[in-house]
Amino acid sequence: MKKTGKSYIQKKINKLNKKIHRSESQNEENKTWWRKLKLTKLKDKLNHTD
């Protein structure tokens, strides 16, 4: 299994934030909801990695 470092997770979070803002501007509520869910998972993962 690939080891995920802090920089990798931060990059994923930044990409996801861009996608969330784009889907909000396009009124895609379902996509926004799923992406926010994934974002919280990534943030938790980032807090637990050291």
N, C-alpha and C. Protein backbone atom coordinates (compact mmCIF):
# COMPACT_ATOMS: atom_id res chain seq x y z
N MET A 1 0.83 -1.19 0.00
CA MET A 1 0.00 0.00 0.00
C MET A 1 0.88 1.25 0.00
N LYS A 2 0.47 2.24 -0.75
CA LYS A 2 1.24 3.47 -0.87
C LYS A 2 1.14 4.28 0.42
N LYS A 3 2.29 4.77 0.88
CA LYS A 3 2.28 5.61 2.07
C LYS A 3 1.96 7.05 1.66
N THR A 4 0.97 7.62 2.31
CA THR A 4 0.55 8.98 1.95
C THR A 4 1.15 9.97 2.94
N GLY A 5 1.93 10.90 2.41
CA GLY A 5 2.56 11.91 3.24
C GLY A 5 1.68 13.13 3.38
N LYS A 6 2.15 14.05 4.24
CA LYS A 6 1.38 15.27 4.48
C LYS A 6 1.22 16.10 3.22
N SER A 7 2.29 16.24 2.46
CA SER A 7 2.23 17.08 1.26
C SER A 7 1.26 16.50 0.23
N TYR A 8 1.22 15.17 0.13
CA TYR A 8 0.31 14.50 -0.80
C TYR A 8 -1.14 14.77 -0.40
N ILE A 9 -1.44 14.64 0.88
CA ILE A 9 -2.81 14.85 1.37
C ILE A 9 -3.21 16.31 1.21
N GLN A 10 -2.28 17.23 1.48
CA GLN A 10 -2.57 18.66 1.32
C GLN A 10 -2.88 19.00 -0.13
N LYS A 11 -2.16 18.37 -1.05
CA LYS A 11 -2.41 18.60 -2.47
C LYS A 11 -3.80 18.10 -2.85
N LYS A 12 -4.18 16.92 -2.32
CA LYS A 12 -5.51 16.37 -2.57
C LYS A 12 -6.59 17.30 -2.02
N ILE A 13 -6.36 17.86 -0.83
CA ILE A 13 -7.32 18.78 -0.20
C ILE A 13 -7.50 20.02 -1.07
N ASN A 14 -6.40 20.57 -1.57
CA ASN A 14 -6.47 21.76 -2.42
C ASN A 14 -7.26 21.49 -3.70
N LYS A 15 -7.01 20.34 -4.32
CA LYS A 15 -7.75 19.98 -5.54
C LYS A 15 -9.23 19.83 -5.25
N LEU A 16 -9.54 19.20 -4.12
CA LEU A 16 -10.93 18.98 -3.74
C LEU A 16 -11.63 20.30 -3.45
N ASN A 17 -10.93 21.24 -2.83
CA ASN A 17 -11.51 22.56 -2.56
C ASN A 17 -11.88 23.26 -3.86
N LYS A 18 -11.01 23.17 -4.86
CA LYS A 18 -11.30 23.77 -6.16
C LYS A 18 -12.55 23.15 -6.77
N LYS A 19 -12.64 21.82 -6.68
CA LYS A 19 -13.80 21.12 -7.23
C LYS A 19 -15.07 21.50 -6.50
N ILE A 20 -14.98 21.68 -5.18
CA ILE A 20 -16.15 22.06 -4.38
C ILE A 20 -16.64 23.44 -4.81
N HIS A 21 -15.73 24.39 -4.94
CA HIS A 21 -16.13 25.75 -5.33
C HIS A 21 -16.74 25.76 -6.73
N ARG A 22 -16.18 24.95 -7.62
CA ARG A 22 -16.72 24.88 -8.98
C ARG A 22 -18.13 24.30 -8.97
N SER A 23 -18.34 23.24 -8.20
CA SER A 23 -19.66 22.61 -8.17
C SER A 23 -20.68 23.51 -7.47
N GLU A 24 -20.23 24.32 -6.50
CA GLU A 24 -21.14 25.26 -5.85
C GLU A 24 -21.59 26.34 -6.83
N SER A 25 -20.67 26.81 -7.66
CA SER A 25 -21.03 27.85 -8.62
C SER A 25 -21.95 27.31 -9.71
N GLN A 26 -21.90 25.99 -9.95
CA GLN A 26 -22.76 25.37 -10.96
C GLN A 26 -24.04 24.79 -10.35
N ASN A 27 -24.25 25.04 -9.06
CA ASN A 27 -25.43 24.55 -8.32
C ASN A 27 -25.57 23.03 -8.37
N GLU A 28 -24.46 22.33 -8.27
CA GLU A 28 -24.46 20.86 -8.22
C GLU A 28 -24.42 20.45 -6.75
N GLU A 29 -25.59 20.44 -6.09
CA GLU A 29 -25.62 20.20 -4.65
C GLU A 29 -25.17 18.80 -4.27
N ASN A 30 -25.52 17.81 -5.10
CA ASN A 30 -25.14 16.44 -4.78
C ASN A 30 -23.62 16.25 -4.82
N LYS A 31 -23.00 16.77 -5.87
CA LYS A 31 -21.54 16.66 -5.98
C LYS A 31 -20.86 17.40 -4.84
N THR A 32 -21.38 18.58 -4.51
CA THR A 32 -20.80 19.37 -3.43
C THR A 32 -20.86 18.60 -2.12
N TRP A 33 -21.99 17.96 -1.86
CA TRP A 33 -22.16 17.22 -0.61
C TRP A 33 -21.16 16.07 -0.51
N TRP A 34 -21.01 15.30 -1.60
CA TRP A 34 -20.08 14.17 -1.58
C TRP A 34 -18.64 14.65 -1.43
N ARG A 35 -18.30 15.74 -2.09
CA ARG A 35 -16.93 16.23 -2.02
C ARG A 35 -16.60 16.79 -0.65
N LYS A 36 -17.58 17.43 0.00
CA LYS A 36 -17.36 17.93 1.36
C LYS A 36 -17.17 16.77 2.33
N LEU A 37 -17.90 15.68 2.08
CA LEU A 37 -17.74 14.49 2.90
C LEU A 37 -16.32 13.94 2.77
N LYS A 38 -15.83 13.85 1.55
CA LYS A 38 -14.48 13.35 1.30
C LYS A 38 -13.44 14.31 1.88
N LEU A 39 -13.73 15.61 1.82
CA LEU A 39 -12.82 16.61 2.36
C LEU A 39 -12.63 16.43 3.86
N THR A 40 -13.70 16.18 4.58
CA THR A 40 -13.57 15.97 6.03
C THR A 40 -12.75 14.71 6.32
N LYS A 41 -12.92 13.67 5.50
CA LYS A 41 -12.12 12.45 5.67
C LYS A 41 -10.63 12.76 5.49
N LEU A 42 -10.32 13.52 4.44
CA LEU A 42 -8.92 13.85 4.17
C LEU A 42 -8.33 14.72 5.28
N LYS A 43 -9.11 15.66 5.80
CA LYS A 43 -8.62 16.51 6.88
C LYS A 43 -8.34 15.70 8.15
N ASP A 44 -9.21 14.73 8.43
CA ASP A 44 -8.97 13.85 9.58
C ASP A 44 -7.70 13.03 9.37
N LYS A 45 -7.52 12.53 8.16
CA LYS A 45 -6.33 11.75 7.84
C LYS A 45 -5.08 12.60 7.99
N LEU A 46 -5.16 13.86 7.57
CA LEU A 46 -4.03 14.77 7.67
C LEU A 46 -3.66 15.03 9.12
N ASN A 47 -4.66 15.16 9.98
CA ASN A 47 -4.41 15.41 11.40
C ASN A 47 -3.79 14.20 12.10
N HIS A 48 -4.05 13.00 11.60
CA HIS A 48 -3.54 11.80 12.24
C HIS A 48 -2.18 11.36 11.71
N THR A 49 -1.72 11.92 10.60
CA THR A 49 -0.41 11.55 10.06
C THR A 49 0.65 12.49 10.59
N ASP A 50 1.75 11.90 10.99
CA ASP A 50 2.91 12.71 11.44
C ASP A 50 4.21 12.05 11.07
